[in-house]
Amino acid sequence: MARNVLPVAKGVLGTGAVALVAYVALSNLLEAQQVIEAPPEGFVAPVDVDTAGLPGPQQPIFFRHDIHAGQYRMDCRYCHYAAEVSSSPGLPSVSTCMGCHQVVGGQNPEVQKVQQAEANSAAPEWVEVHVLPPFVHFPHSRHVNADPPVTCQACHGPIQEMPQVYQYSSLKMGWCLDCHLERDVTTDCTACHY
């Protein structure tokens, strides 16, 4: 199932509200302690990657998490701007990508797809990777803001080493309950099913 989150958010909240959410999230990011596990010192993502042989769905643009979150150690919350304030982590707008890619990577065919998307004012139709049943609610903000915070890797695996993102954890009820029991947080059904 393809999902294009930002236009949906604009339709529901209005452009001003979406901008406010993004501003608050970015402000929080700049003040927040980074909870992303860094890759080993000197990590360099492989240059040539055969996407057909990788687990996970192929996306319209081959976004390299191993380069952005791994090699360059970008905090996940830079792109997933709403993770601290919303149920959804949010997907970056093309203008977020272009913040860097106006300057770097212009010869890369995948970056050229981003540039073309911006020129056409068309967001990529990203394919959803982590799919939960409609009767399950996973509020990212509760997990990211927990004390201690739940790292992205706790659910998504070593995202900083994945060229192409795939569903690392089962995300089944027993898996979630085990984590809740380990952290001594609620196991009441209404926490996730409401």
N, C-alpha and C. Protein backbone atom coordinates (compact mmCIF):
# COMPACT_ATOMS: atom_id res chain seq x y z
N MET A 1 0.85 -1.17 0.00
CA MET A 1 0.00 0.00 0.00
C MET A 1 0.89 1.23 0.00
N ALA A 2 0.68 2.14 -0.92
CA ALA A 2 1.46 3.37 -0.97
C ALA A 2 0.83 4.39 -0.02
N ARG A 3 1.67 5.17 0.59
CA ARG A 3 1.17 6.20 1.50
C ARG A 3 1.94 7.48 1.25
N ASN A 4 1.21 8.56 1.14
CA ASN A 4 1.79 9.87 0.96
C ASN A 4 1.29 10.71 2.12
N VAL A 5 2.04 10.77 3.20
CA VAL A 5 1.56 11.31 4.47
C VAL A 5 1.38 12.82 4.45
N LEU A 6 2.31 13.58 3.91
CA LEU A 6 2.25 15.03 4.01
C LEU A 6 1.00 15.61 3.37
N PRO A 7 0.62 15.24 2.12
CA PRO A 7 -0.62 15.79 1.57
C PRO A 7 -1.85 15.43 2.41
N VAL A 8 -1.88 14.24 2.98
CA VAL A 8 -3.00 13.87 3.84
C VAL A 8 -3.03 14.77 5.06
N ALA A 9 -1.86 14.99 5.66
CA ALA A 9 -1.79 15.86 6.83
C ALA A 9 -2.24 17.27 6.48
N LYS A 10 -1.82 17.78 5.32
CA LYS A 10 -2.23 19.12 4.91
C LYS A 10 -3.74 19.19 4.74
N GLY A 11 -4.33 18.12 4.16
CA GLY A 11 -5.77 18.09 3.94
C GLY A 11 -6.55 18.06 5.24
N VAL A 12 -6.03 17.40 6.27
CA VAL A 12 -6.72 17.28 7.54
C VAL A 12 -6.43 18.47 8.43
N LEU A 13 -5.17 18.87 8.51
CA LEU A 13 -4.76 19.90 9.46
C LEU A 13 -4.67 21.30 8.86
N GLY A 14 -4.43 21.38 7.58
CA GLY A 14 -4.16 22.68 6.97
C GLY A 14 -2.66 22.91 6.94
N THR A 15 -2.21 23.67 5.97
CA THR A 15 -0.78 23.89 5.78
C THR A 15 -0.13 24.53 7.00
N GLY A 16 -0.79 25.50 7.63
CA GLY A 16 -0.22 26.17 8.80
C GLY A 16 0.01 25.22 9.95
N ALA A 17 -0.95 24.32 10.20
CA ALA A 17 -0.81 23.36 11.30
C ALA A 17 0.33 22.39 11.03
N VAL A 18 0.46 21.95 9.78
CA VAL A 18 1.55 21.04 9.43
C VAL A 18 2.89 21.73 9.64
N ALA A 19 2.98 22.99 9.23
CA ALA A 19 4.22 23.75 9.42
C ALA A 19 4.52 23.91 10.90
N LEU A 20 3.50 24.17 11.72
CA LEU A 20 3.70 24.32 13.15
C LEU A 20 4.20 23.02 13.77
N VAL A 21 3.60 21.88 13.39
CA VAL A 21 4.04 20.58 13.90
C VAL A 21 5.50 20.34 13.51
N ALA A 22 5.85 20.64 12.26
CA ALA A 22 7.23 20.44 11.80
C ALA A 22 8.18 21.35 12.57
N TYR A 23 7.78 22.60 12.83
CA TYR A 23 8.63 23.55 13.56
C TYR A 23 8.86 23.07 15.00
N VAL A 24 7.78 22.66 15.67
CA VAL A 24 7.90 22.17 17.05
C VAL A 24 8.78 20.94 17.09
N ALA A 25 8.58 20.02 16.16
CA ALA A 25 9.39 18.80 16.13
C ALA A 25 10.86 19.13 15.90
N LEU A 26 11.15 20.04 14.98
CA LEU A 26 12.54 20.41 14.72
C LEU A 26 13.15 21.11 15.93
N SER A 27 12.37 21.98 16.59
CA SER A 27 12.86 22.64 17.81
C SER A 27 13.20 21.62 18.88
N ASN A 28 12.30 20.64 19.05
CA ASN A 28 12.55 19.59 20.04
C ASN A 28 13.77 18.77 19.67
N LEU A 29 13.95 18.51 18.37
CA LEU A 29 15.10 17.75 17.91
C LEU A 29 16.39 18.46 18.25
N LEU A 30 16.42 19.76 18.05
CA LEU A 30 17.64 20.52 18.31
C LEU A 30 17.98 20.54 19.79
N GLU A 31 16.95 20.45 20.66
CA GLU A 31 17.18 20.46 22.10
C GLU A 31 17.35 19.06 22.68
N ALA A 32 16.87 18.04 21.97
CA ALA A 32 16.80 16.69 22.51
C ALA A 32 18.16 16.00 22.51
N GLN A 33 18.30 15.07 23.45
CA GLN A 33 19.49 14.22 23.47
C GLN A 33 19.33 13.20 22.36
N GLN A 34 20.37 12.97 21.61
CA GLN A 34 20.30 12.01 20.52
C GLN A 34 20.27 10.60 21.10
N VAL A 35 19.29 9.80 20.67
CA VAL A 35 19.15 8.44 21.19
C VAL A 35 19.41 7.41 20.09
N ILE A 36 19.97 7.83 19.00
CA ILE A 36 20.25 6.94 17.88
C ILE A 36 21.57 6.23 18.13
N GLU A 37 21.56 4.93 17.98
CA GLU A 37 22.81 4.18 18.13
C GLU A 37 23.65 4.40 16.89
N ALA A 38 24.83 4.90 17.08
CA ALA A 38 25.73 5.19 15.96
C ALA A 38 26.35 3.90 15.43
N PRO A 39 26.65 3.85 14.13
CA PRO A 39 27.33 2.68 13.58
C PRO A 39 28.77 2.66 14.08
N PRO A 40 29.47 1.58 13.84
CA PRO A 40 30.87 1.51 14.28
C PRO A 40 31.68 2.68 13.72
N GLU A 41 32.66 3.12 14.48
CA GLU A 41 33.53 4.21 14.05
C GLU A 41 34.12 3.88 12.68
N GLY A 42 34.10 4.84 11.78
CA GLY A 42 34.67 4.63 10.45
C GLY A 42 33.75 3.87 9.50
N PHE A 43 32.46 3.70 9.85
CA PHE A 43 31.52 2.98 8.99
C PHE A 43 31.40 3.70 7.65
N VAL A 44 31.54 2.95 6.58
CA VAL A 44 31.35 3.49 5.25
C VAL A 44 30.38 2.57 4.52
N ALA A 45 29.27 3.12 4.08
CA ALA A 45 28.26 2.33 3.39
C ALA A 45 28.81 1.89 2.03
N PRO A 46 28.46 0.67 1.60
CA PRO A 46 28.92 0.22 0.28
C PRO A 46 28.35 1.09 -0.83
N VAL A 47 29.13 1.32 -1.87
CA VAL A 47 28.70 2.20 -2.95
C VAL A 47 27.71 1.49 -3.87
N ASP A 48 28.09 0.33 -4.36
CA ASP A 48 27.24 -0.42 -5.30
C ASP A 48 26.37 -1.40 -4.54
N VAL A 49 25.07 -1.24 -4.65
CA VAL A 49 24.13 -2.11 -3.97
C VAL A 49 23.10 -2.58 -4.97
N ASP A 50 22.89 -3.90 -5.04
CA ASP A 50 21.88 -4.48 -5.92
C ASP A 50 20.55 -4.44 -5.18
N THR A 51 19.69 -3.50 -5.52
CA THR A 51 18.43 -3.34 -4.79
C THR A 51 17.51 -4.54 -4.96
N ALA A 52 17.61 -5.25 -6.08
CA ALA A 52 16.74 -6.40 -6.31
C ALA A 52 17.02 -7.51 -5.30
N GLY A 53 18.24 -7.58 -4.78
CA GLY A 53 18.59 -8.63 -3.84
C GLY A 53 18.38 -8.24 -2.39
N LEU A 54 17.84 -7.05 -2.12
CA LEU A 54 17.66 -6.58 -0.75
C LEU A 54 16.28 -6.93 -0.22
N PRO A 55 16.19 -7.20 1.09
CA PRO A 55 14.87 -7.40 1.66
C PRO A 55 14.10 -6.08 1.72
N GLY A 56 12.80 -6.17 1.79
CA GLY A 56 11.96 -4.98 1.90
C GLY A 56 11.46 -4.51 0.55
N PRO A 57 10.42 -3.69 0.56
CA PRO A 57 9.84 -3.21 -0.69
C PRO A 57 10.73 -2.20 -1.39
N GLN A 58 10.73 -2.25 -2.71
CA GLN A 58 11.47 -1.25 -3.47
C GLN A 58 10.65 0.03 -3.47
N GLN A 59 11.34 1.14 -3.26
CA GLN A 59 10.70 2.44 -3.16
C GLN A 59 10.87 3.20 -4.47
N PRO A 60 10.08 4.23 -4.69
CA PRO A 60 10.23 5.01 -5.93
C PRO A 60 11.58 5.72 -6.02
N ILE A 61 12.16 6.02 -4.87
CA ILE A 61 13.51 6.59 -4.79
C ILE A 61 14.28 5.72 -3.82
N PHE A 62 15.45 5.26 -4.22
CA PHE A 62 16.27 4.40 -3.37
C PHE A 62 16.96 5.27 -2.32
N PHE A 63 16.27 5.44 -1.18
CA PHE A 63 16.80 6.25 -0.09
C PHE A 63 17.70 5.37 0.76
N ARG A 64 18.96 5.73 0.89
CA ARG A 64 19.95 4.94 1.59
C ARG A 64 20.02 5.31 3.07
N HIS A 65 19.32 4.55 3.93
CA HIS A 65 19.41 4.78 5.37
C HIS A 65 20.83 4.51 5.87
N ASP A 66 21.53 3.55 5.25
CA ASP A 66 22.89 3.26 5.70
C ASP A 66 23.84 4.42 5.45
N ILE A 67 23.53 5.25 4.48
CA ILE A 67 24.36 6.44 4.23
C ILE A 67 23.92 7.59 5.14
N HIS A 68 22.62 7.89 5.15
CA HIS A 68 22.14 9.04 5.91
C HIS A 68 22.24 8.83 7.42
N ALA A 69 21.63 7.75 7.93
CA ALA A 69 21.64 7.49 9.38
C ALA A 69 22.93 6.80 9.82
N GLY A 70 23.57 6.08 8.90
CA GLY A 70 24.79 5.35 9.25
C GLY A 70 26.05 6.16 9.02
N GLN A 71 26.44 6.28 7.78
CA GLN A 71 27.70 6.94 7.45
C GLN A 71 27.72 8.40 7.90
N TYR A 72 26.63 9.14 7.67
CA TYR A 72 26.61 10.56 8.04
C TYR A 72 26.00 10.82 9.41
N ARG A 73 25.50 9.77 10.06
CA ARG A 73 24.98 9.84 11.43
C ARG A 73 23.91 10.90 11.63
N MET A 74 23.03 11.02 10.66
CA MET A 74 21.91 11.94 10.80
C MET A 74 20.91 11.35 11.78
N ASP A 75 20.41 12.15 12.67
CA ASP A 75 19.39 11.72 13.62
C ASP A 75 18.11 11.43 12.84
N CYS A 76 17.48 10.31 13.13
CA CYS A 76 16.26 9.89 12.42
C CYS A 76 15.20 10.98 12.45
N ARG A 77 15.17 11.74 13.54
CA ARG A 77 14.12 12.74 13.73
C ARG A 77 14.29 13.95 12.81
N TYR A 78 15.41 14.07 12.14
CA TYR A 78 15.56 15.16 11.18
C TYR A 78 14.57 14.97 10.03
N CYS A 79 14.48 13.74 9.54
CA CYS A 79 13.55 13.43 8.44
C CYS A 79 12.18 13.02 8.96
N HIS A 80 12.16 12.22 10.01
CA HIS A 80 10.90 11.76 10.59
C HIS A 80 10.49 12.75 11.68
N TYR A 81 10.13 13.93 11.22
CA TYR A 81 9.95 15.12 12.04
C TYR A 81 8.84 15.02 13.09
N ALA A 82 7.85 14.16 12.89
CA ALA A 82 6.70 14.12 13.79
C ALA A 82 6.79 13.01 14.84
N ALA A 83 7.87 12.26 14.86
CA ALA A 83 7.96 11.11 15.77
C ALA A 83 7.78 11.49 17.23
N GLU A 84 8.17 12.68 17.62
CA GLU A 84 8.08 13.10 19.02
C GLU A 84 6.72 13.69 19.39
N VAL A 85 5.92 14.06 18.40
CA VAL A 85 4.68 14.77 18.69
C VAL A 85 3.43 14.11 18.11
N SER A 86 3.57 12.95 17.47
CA SER A 86 2.45 12.36 16.76
C SER A 86 2.50 10.84 16.82
N SER A 87 1.39 10.22 16.46
CA SER A 87 1.37 8.77 16.33
C SER A 87 2.24 8.33 15.16
N SER A 88 2.21 9.11 14.10
CA SER A 88 3.00 8.81 12.91
C SER A 88 4.37 9.46 13.03
N PRO A 89 5.42 8.81 12.52
CA PRO A 89 6.74 9.44 12.57
C PRO A 89 6.88 10.56 11.55
N GLY A 90 6.00 10.60 10.56
CA GLY A 90 6.10 11.60 9.51
C GLY A 90 7.13 11.20 8.48
N LEU A 91 6.89 11.58 7.26
CA LEU A 91 7.84 11.35 6.17
C LEU A 91 8.35 12.71 5.72
N PRO A 92 9.62 12.78 5.34
CA PRO A 92 10.18 14.08 4.97
C PRO A 92 9.55 14.62 3.69
N SER A 93 9.39 15.92 3.64
CA SER A 93 8.94 16.55 2.40
C SER A 93 10.12 16.59 1.45
N VAL A 94 9.83 16.77 0.19
CA VAL A 94 10.89 16.88 -0.81
C VAL A 94 11.79 18.07 -0.47
N SER A 95 11.21 19.14 0.06
CA SER A 95 12.03 20.31 0.40
C SER A 95 13.02 20.00 1.52
N THR A 96 12.67 19.08 2.42
CA THR A 96 13.63 18.65 3.45
C THR A 96 14.84 17.99 2.79
N CYS A 97 14.57 17.10 1.85
CA CYS A 97 15.67 16.43 1.12
C CYS A 97 16.51 17.45 0.36
N MET A 98 15.82 18.41 -0.25
CA MET A 98 16.52 19.39 -1.07
C MET A 98 17.34 20.37 -0.24
N GLY A 99 17.08 20.43 1.07
CA GLY A 99 17.90 21.25 1.94
C GLY A 99 19.37 20.90 1.81
N CYS A 100 19.68 19.63 1.64
CA CYS A 100 21.06 19.19 1.43
C CYS A 100 21.35 18.97 -0.06
N HIS A 101 20.38 18.39 -0.76
CA HIS A 101 20.66 17.94 -2.12
C HIS A 101 20.60 19.05 -3.17
N GLN A 102 20.41 20.29 -2.76
CA GLN A 102 20.66 21.40 -3.68
C GLN A 102 22.15 21.57 -3.85
N VAL A 103 22.90 21.10 -2.83
CA VAL A 103 24.35 21.31 -2.80
C VAL A 103 25.12 20.04 -3.13
N VAL A 104 24.67 18.90 -2.62
CA VAL A 104 25.44 17.66 -2.77
C VAL A 104 24.65 16.60 -3.53
N GLY A 105 25.36 15.72 -4.20
CA GLY A 105 24.79 14.54 -4.83
C GLY A 105 24.02 14.74 -6.11
N GLY A 106 24.14 15.89 -6.73
CA GLY A 106 23.36 16.20 -7.92
C GLY A 106 23.57 15.27 -9.09
N GLN A 107 24.69 14.54 -9.12
CA GLN A 107 24.96 13.61 -10.23
C GLN A 107 24.38 12.22 -9.96
N ASN A 108 23.92 11.98 -8.74
CA ASN A 108 23.35 10.69 -8.37
C ASN A 108 21.94 10.56 -8.97
N PRO A 109 21.66 9.47 -9.70
CA PRO A 109 20.34 9.32 -10.33
C PRO A 109 19.18 9.37 -9.33
N GLU A 110 19.39 8.87 -8.12
CA GLU A 110 18.32 8.90 -7.12
C GLU A 110 18.07 10.32 -6.63
N VAL A 111 19.13 11.09 -6.48
CA VAL A 111 18.99 12.50 -6.08
C VAL A 111 18.30 13.27 -7.21
N GLN A 112 18.59 12.91 -8.44
CA GLN A 112 17.92 13.57 -9.57
C GLN A 112 16.42 13.31 -9.54
N LYS A 113 16.01 12.14 -9.04
CA LYS A 113 14.57 11.86 -8.89
C LYS A 113 13.95 12.80 -7.85
N VAL A 114 14.69 13.09 -6.79
CA VAL A 114 14.22 14.03 -5.77
C VAL A 114 14.10 15.42 -6.38
N GLN A 115 15.10 15.82 -7.15
CA GLN A 115 15.08 17.13 -7.79
C GLN A 115 13.90 17.24 -8.76
N GLN A 116 13.64 16.16 -9.48
CA GLN A 116 12.52 16.16 -10.42
C GLN A 116 11.19 16.24 -9.65
N ALA A 117 11.09 15.53 -8.52
CA ALA A 117 9.88 15.60 -7.70
C ALA A 117 9.64 17.03 -7.22
N GLU A 118 10.70 17.71 -6.83
CA GLU A 118 10.54 19.10 -6.38
C GLU A 118 10.12 19.99 -7.54
N ALA A 119 10.74 19.81 -8.70
CA ALA A 119 10.40 20.63 -9.87
C ALA A 119 8.94 20.44 -10.27
N ASN A 120 8.41 19.22 -10.07
CA ASN A 120 7.02 18.92 -10.44
C ASN A 120 6.05 19.11 -9.27
N SER A 121 6.56 19.53 -8.12
CA SER A 121 5.73 19.67 -6.90
C SER A 121 4.94 18.40 -6.62
N ALA A 122 5.64 17.27 -6.73
CA ALA A 122 4.99 15.97 -6.52
C ALA A 122 5.81 15.15 -5.54
N ALA A 123 5.20 14.81 -4.41
CA ALA A 123 5.89 13.98 -3.43
C ALA A 123 5.95 12.53 -3.92
N PRO A 124 7.05 11.83 -3.61
CA PRO A 124 7.13 10.42 -4.00
C PRO A 124 6.03 9.60 -3.32
N GLU A 125 5.54 8.59 -3.98
CA GLU A 125 4.54 7.68 -3.41
C GLU A 125 5.30 6.55 -2.71
N TRP A 126 5.70 6.79 -1.45
CA TRP A 126 6.47 5.82 -0.69
C TRP A 126 5.62 4.59 -0.39
N VAL A 127 6.24 3.44 -0.40
CA VAL A 127 5.58 2.18 -0.09
C VAL A 127 5.75 1.92 1.41
N GLU A 128 4.64 1.68 2.10
CA GLU A 128 4.69 1.45 3.54
C GLU A 128 5.47 0.18 3.84
N VAL A 129 6.36 0.25 4.81
CA VAL A 129 7.22 -0.88 5.17
C VAL A 129 6.70 -1.58 6.42
N HIS A 130 6.40 -0.84 7.45
CA HIS A 130 5.96 -1.40 8.73
C HIS A 130 4.45 -1.28 8.81
N VAL A 131 3.77 -2.37 8.53
CA VAL A 131 2.31 -2.37 8.44
C VAL A 131 1.72 -3.04 9.67
N LEU A 132 0.88 -2.29 10.37
CA LEU A 132 0.15 -2.83 11.51
C LEU A 132 -1.31 -2.99 11.12
N PRO A 133 -2.01 -3.94 11.75
CA PRO A 133 -3.44 -4.07 11.46
C PRO A 133 -4.17 -2.79 11.86
N PRO A 134 -5.31 -2.52 11.23
CA PRO A 134 -6.03 -1.27 11.52
C PRO A 134 -6.54 -1.17 12.95
N PHE A 135 -6.61 -2.27 13.67
CA PHE A 135 -7.10 -2.23 15.05
C PHE A 135 -5.98 -2.05 16.06
N VAL A 136 -4.75 -1.82 15.59
CA VAL A 136 -3.61 -1.59 16.47
C VAL A 136 -3.15 -0.15 16.29
N HIS A 137 -2.92 0.52 17.40
CA HIS A 137 -2.43 1.90 17.37
C HIS A 137 -1.06 1.94 18.03
N PHE A 138 -0.09 2.44 17.28
CA PHE A 138 1.26 2.57 17.81
C PHE A 138 1.63 4.04 17.80
N PRO A 139 1.49 4.72 18.92
CA PRO A 139 1.86 6.14 18.97
C PRO A 139 3.37 6.31 19.12
N HIS A 140 4.03 6.73 18.05
CA HIS A 140 5.48 6.94 18.09
C HIS A 140 5.87 7.90 19.21
N SER A 141 5.10 8.96 19.40
CA SER A 141 5.48 9.98 20.38
C SER A 141 5.60 9.40 21.79
N ARG A 142 4.72 8.50 22.17
CA ARG A 142 4.81 7.90 23.51
C ARG A 142 6.11 7.11 23.68
N HIS A 143 6.54 6.45 22.62
CA HIS A 143 7.74 5.62 22.70
C HIS A 143 9.00 6.46 22.65
N VAL A 144 9.05 7.43 21.75
CA VAL A 144 10.23 8.29 21.61
C VAL A 144 10.42 9.14 22.86
N ASN A 145 9.32 9.54 23.50
CA ASN A 145 9.39 10.40 24.69
C ASN A 145 9.39 9.62 26.00
N ALA A 146 9.43 8.32 25.94
CA ALA A 146 9.44 7.50 27.16
C ALA A 146 10.71 7.78 27.95
N ASP A 147 10.70 7.39 29.21
CA ASP A 147 11.89 7.56 30.05
C ASP A 147 12.30 6.20 30.60
N PRO A 148 13.38 5.60 30.11
CA PRO A 148 14.26 6.08 29.03
C PRO A 148 13.57 5.92 27.68
N PRO A 149 14.00 6.70 26.68
CA PRO A 149 13.38 6.63 25.35
C PRO A 149 13.58 5.27 24.71
N VAL A 150 12.63 4.89 23.89
CA VAL A 150 12.77 3.68 23.07
C VAL A 150 13.50 4.13 21.80
N THR A 151 14.65 3.56 21.53
CA THR A 151 15.40 3.96 20.34
C THR A 151 14.69 3.45 19.09
N CYS A 152 14.97 4.07 17.98
CA CYS A 152 14.40 3.62 16.71
C CYS A 152 14.77 2.17 16.44
N GLN A 153 16.02 1.81 16.81
CA GLN A 153 16.52 0.46 16.55
C GLN A 153 15.79 -0.61 17.36
N ALA A 154 15.19 -0.23 18.48
CA ALA A 154 14.48 -1.21 19.30
C ALA A 154 13.37 -1.89 18.50
N CYS A 155 12.72 -1.15 17.62
CA CYS A 155 11.65 -1.72 16.79
C CYS A 155 12.09 -1.94 15.35
N HIS A 156 12.88 -1.01 14.83
CA HIS A 156 13.23 -1.04 13.40
C HIS A 156 14.53 -1.77 13.10
N GLY A 157 15.24 -2.23 14.14
CA GLY A 157 16.49 -2.93 13.91
C GLY A 157 17.62 -1.96 13.57
N PRO A 158 18.73 -2.49 13.08
CA PRO A 158 19.89 -1.63 12.78
C PRO A 158 19.67 -0.80 11.52
N ILE A 159 18.74 0.13 11.61
CA ILE A 159 18.33 0.94 10.47
C ILE A 159 19.51 1.68 9.86
N GLN A 160 20.49 2.01 10.69
CA GLN A 160 21.66 2.76 10.24
C GLN A 160 22.59 1.90 9.38
N GLU A 161 22.31 0.62 9.28
CA GLU A 161 23.12 -0.28 8.44
C GLU A 161 22.33 -0.84 7.27
N MET A 162 21.07 -0.44 7.11
CA MET A 162 20.20 -0.97 6.05
C MET A 162 20.24 -0.08 4.81
N PRO A 163 20.70 -0.60 3.70
CA PRO A 163 20.60 0.19 2.47
C PRO A 163 19.13 0.44 2.12
N GLN A 164 18.32 -0.61 2.22
CA GLN A 164 16.88 -0.51 1.94
C GLN A 164 16.14 -0.99 3.18
N VAL A 165 15.20 -0.22 3.65
CA VAL A 165 14.51 -0.55 4.89
C VAL A 165 13.57 -1.73 4.69
N TYR A 166 13.57 -2.60 5.68
CA TYR A 166 12.65 -3.74 5.70
C TYR A 166 12.13 -3.90 7.12
N GLN A 167 11.05 -4.67 7.26
CA GLN A 167 10.50 -4.89 8.59
C GLN A 167 11.39 -5.87 9.33
N TYR A 168 12.10 -5.39 10.31
CA TYR A 168 13.09 -6.17 11.05
C TYR A 168 12.44 -6.99 12.16
N SER A 169 11.55 -6.39 12.92
CA SER A 169 10.88 -7.06 14.04
C SER A 169 9.52 -7.57 13.59
N SER A 170 9.01 -8.56 14.29
CA SER A 170 7.72 -9.14 13.89
C SER A 170 6.56 -8.16 14.07
N LEU A 171 6.65 -7.29 15.06
CA LEU A 171 5.60 -6.34 15.41
C LEU A 171 4.30 -7.04 15.79
N LYS A 172 4.41 -8.30 16.16
CA LYS A 172 3.23 -9.04 16.62
C LYS A 172 2.97 -8.73 18.08
N MET A 173 1.78 -9.02 18.54
CA MET A 173 1.35 -8.66 19.88
C MET A 173 2.28 -9.18 20.96
N GLY A 174 2.70 -10.43 20.85
CA GLY A 174 3.60 -11.00 21.86
C GLY A 174 4.92 -10.27 21.93
N TRP A 175 5.41 -9.85 20.78
CA TRP A 175 6.67 -9.10 20.72
C TRP A 175 6.53 -7.77 21.45
N CYS A 176 5.42 -7.07 21.20
CA CYS A 176 5.17 -5.79 21.87
C CYS A 176 4.97 -5.99 23.37
N LEU A 177 4.22 -7.02 23.75
CA LEU A 177 3.97 -7.29 25.17
C LEU A 177 5.26 -7.60 25.91
N ASP A 178 6.15 -8.35 25.28
CA ASP A 178 7.44 -8.65 25.92
C ASP A 178 8.19 -7.36 26.25
N CYS A 179 8.18 -6.41 25.35
CA CYS A 179 8.86 -5.13 25.58
C CYS A 179 8.17 -4.36 26.71
N HIS A 180 6.86 -4.35 26.71
CA HIS A 180 6.12 -3.66 27.78
C HIS A 180 6.41 -4.30 29.14
N LEU A 181 6.48 -5.61 29.18
CA LEU A 181 6.77 -6.29 30.44
C LEU A 181 8.19 -6.00 30.91
N GLU A 182 9.16 -6.00 29.98
CA GLU A 182 10.56 -5.69 30.31
C GLU A 182 10.69 -4.29 30.90
N ARG A 183 9.92 -3.35 30.36
CA ARG A 183 10.02 -1.95 30.78
C ARG A 183 9.05 -1.61 31.91
N ASP A 184 8.26 -2.60 32.33
CA ASP A 184 7.27 -2.41 33.40
C ASP A 184 6.31 -1.26 33.07
N VAL A 185 5.75 -1.31 31.85
CA VAL A 185 4.71 -0.36 31.45
C VAL A 185 3.41 -1.12 31.20
N THR A 186 2.36 -0.40 30.99
CA THR A 186 1.03 -1.01 30.92
C THR A 186 0.93 -2.13 29.88
N THR A 187 0.16 -3.12 30.23
CA THR A 187 -0.21 -4.17 29.29
C THR A 187 -1.73 -4.20 29.14
N ASP A 188 -2.39 -3.12 29.54
CA ASP A 188 -3.83 -3.00 29.39
C ASP A 188 -4.16 -2.98 27.90
N CYS A 189 -5.16 -3.71 27.50
CA CYS A 189 -5.54 -3.83 26.09
C CYS A 189 -5.81 -2.47 25.43
N THR A 190 -6.40 -1.55 26.22
CA THR A 190 -6.77 -0.25 25.64
C THR A 190 -5.58 0.65 25.35
N ALA A 191 -4.38 0.26 25.77
CA ALA A 191 -3.19 1.06 25.45
C ALA A 191 -2.90 1.02 23.95
N CYS A 192 -3.19 -0.10 23.32
CA CYS A 192 -2.89 -0.26 21.89
C CYS A 192 -4.14 -0.47 21.03
N HIS A 193 -5.22 -0.89 21.66
CA HIS A 193 -6.46 -1.18 20.92
C HIS A 193 -7.54 -0.21 21.38
N TYR A 194 -7.68 0.89 20.67
CA TYR A 194 -8.72 1.88 21.02
C TYR A 194 -9.30 2.51 19.77
